[in-house]
Protein backbone atom coordinates (compact mmCIF):
# COMPACT_ATOMS: atom_id res chain seq x y z
CA MET A 1 -16.12 -1.82 22.55
CA VAL A 2 -14.20 -5.06 21.85
CA GLU A 3 -15.29 -4.99 18.20
CA THR A 4 -14.06 -1.38 17.87
CA LEU A 5 -10.68 -2.32 19.36
CA GLN A 6 -10.36 -5.30 17.02
CA ARG A 7 -11.23 -3.14 14.02
CA ARG A 8 -8.66 -0.52 15.06
CA GLN A 9 -5.99 -3.19 15.56
CA ALA A 10 -6.73 -4.54 12.10
CA ILE A 11 -5.50 -1.28 10.56
CA GLU A 12 -2.55 -0.57 12.86
CA PRO A 13 0.75 -2.07 11.73
CA SER A 14 3.01 -3.41 14.46
CA GLU A 15 5.87 -3.96 11.99
CA ILE A 16 6.61 -2.76 8.47
CA SER A 17 9.57 -4.34 6.72
CA GLN A 18 10.87 -4.06 3.20
CA GLU A 19 11.98 -7.65 2.64
CA SER A 20 13.50 -6.83 -0.77
CA ASN A 21 13.09 -4.26 -3.54
CA SER A 22 10.05 -6.17 -4.70
CA LEU A 23 8.43 -7.28 -1.42
CA LEU A 24 6.90 -5.39 1.50
CA ARG A 25 5.69 -7.20 4.62
CA ILE A 26 3.31 -5.69 7.15
CA THR A 27 2.50 -7.39 10.44
CA TRP A 28 -0.70 -5.90 11.78
CA ALA A 29 -1.48 -5.37 15.47
CA ASP A 30 -4.10 -8.13 15.32
CA GLY A 31 -1.39 -10.62 14.27
CA ARG A 32 -2.22 -10.81 10.55
CA VAL A 33 0.87 -10.81 8.30
CA CYS A 34 0.50 -9.50 4.75
CA ASP A 35 3.05 -9.69 1.94
CA TYR A 36 2.76 -7.18 -0.88
CA GLN A 37 4.50 -7.53 -4.22
CA ALA A 38 5.86 -4.21 -5.52
CA ALA A 39 4.20 -4.49 -8.93
CA MET A 40 0.79 -5.17 -7.34
CA LEU A 41 1.16 -2.16 -5.03
CA ARG A 42 2.30 0.11 -7.86
CA ARG A 43 -0.66 -0.98 -10.01
CA ALA A 44 -2.99 -0.20 -7.07
CA CYS A 45 -1.64 3.33 -6.56
CA PRO A 46 -4.46 5.50 -5.20
CA CYS A 47 -3.07 8.89 -6.29
CA ALA A 48 -4.84 11.42 -8.53
CA GLN A 49 -2.59 10.52 -11.48
CA CYS A 50 -3.72 6.88 -11.27
CA VAL A 51 -7.36 7.26 -10.19
CA ASN A 52 -9.86 9.86 -11.37
CA GLU A 53 -10.61 12.00 -8.32
CA TRP A 54 -14.21 12.68 -9.37
CA THR A 55 -15.34 9.26 -10.50
CA GLY A 56 -12.98 6.98 -8.57
CA GLN A 57 -12.28 5.16 -11.84
CA ARG A 58 -8.75 3.79 -12.21
CA THR A 59 -6.99 5.60 -15.06
CA LEU A 60 -3.68 3.77 -14.70
CA LYS A 61 -3.61 0.80 -17.04
CA PRO A 62 -2.11 -2.16 -15.11
CA GLU A 63 -0.33 -3.47 -18.19
CA VAL A 64 1.88 -0.35 -18.41
CA ILE A 65 3.48 -1.21 -15.05
CA SER A 66 6.38 -3.63 -15.41
CA ASP A 67 6.46 -6.76 -13.28
CA GLU A 68 10.04 -5.65 -12.52
CA VAL A 69 9.06 -2.36 -10.83
CA GLU A 70 10.80 -1.96 -7.48
CA ILE A 71 10.38 -0.05 -4.25
CA ASN A 72 13.29 2.39 -4.15
CA ASP A 73 12.22 3.98 -0.88
CA LEU A 74 9.27 4.16 1.47
CA SER A 75 8.27 6.52 4.22
CA ILE A 76 5.57 6.69 6.85
CA VAL A 77 3.05 9.50 6.42
CA GLY A 78 1.84 10.65 9.83
CA ARG A 79 0.39 7.70 11.73
CA TYR A 80 -1.91 6.57 8.96
CA ALA A 81 -0.16 5.78 5.68
CA LEU A 82 2.89 4.88 3.60
CA ASN A 83 4.38 6.66 0.61
CA PHE A 84 6.55 4.82 -1.90
CA ARG A 85 9.22 5.99 -4.31
CA TRP A 86 9.06 3.54 -7.21
CA SER A 87 11.78 2.59 -9.70
CA ASP A 88 9.59 4.07 -12.48
CA SER A 89 9.97 7.50 -10.74
CA HIS A 90 6.36 7.58 -9.51
CA GLU A 91 6.06 8.81 -5.92
CA THR A 92 2.78 10.64 -5.37
CA GLY A 93 0.60 7.86 -3.97
CA ILE A 94 -0.29 7.83 -0.28
CA TYR A 95 -1.40 4.35 0.76
CA SER A 96 -3.45 4.56 3.95
CA PHE A 97 -3.08 1.68 6.38
CA GLN A 98 -6.79 0.97 5.84
CA TYR A 99 -6.21 0.77 2.06
CA LEU A 100 -3.22 -1.55 2.53
CA ARG A 101 -5.19 -3.81 4.85
CA ASP A 102 -8.06 -3.90 2.35
CA LEU A 103 -5.62 -4.87 -0.42
CA CYS A 104 -4.37 -7.69 1.77
CA GLU A 105 -7.87 -9.00 2.39
CA GLN A 106 -8.77 -9.09 -1.32
């Protein structure tokens, strides 16, 4: 029971703040704070344009994403994810809280 609660807290954000156009900070319910650079997040986009839906292979080449890419807007999707509008006009990726936490732990 305690382990389940800790696992759930690990993927529930208590605060989401866009620190700048190039930095997102998430404070998780378990106290962990994760900073995400915009370019890293954009390169990790999980959408069908960036990842082959059948094989799971990343089709987006990281080198085509500029280090200068910015977060123009972000929105919460339900109670489980974030969606970003990027300065390169991409906006189809839905980043689950679990995916964001996993990115932080890598």
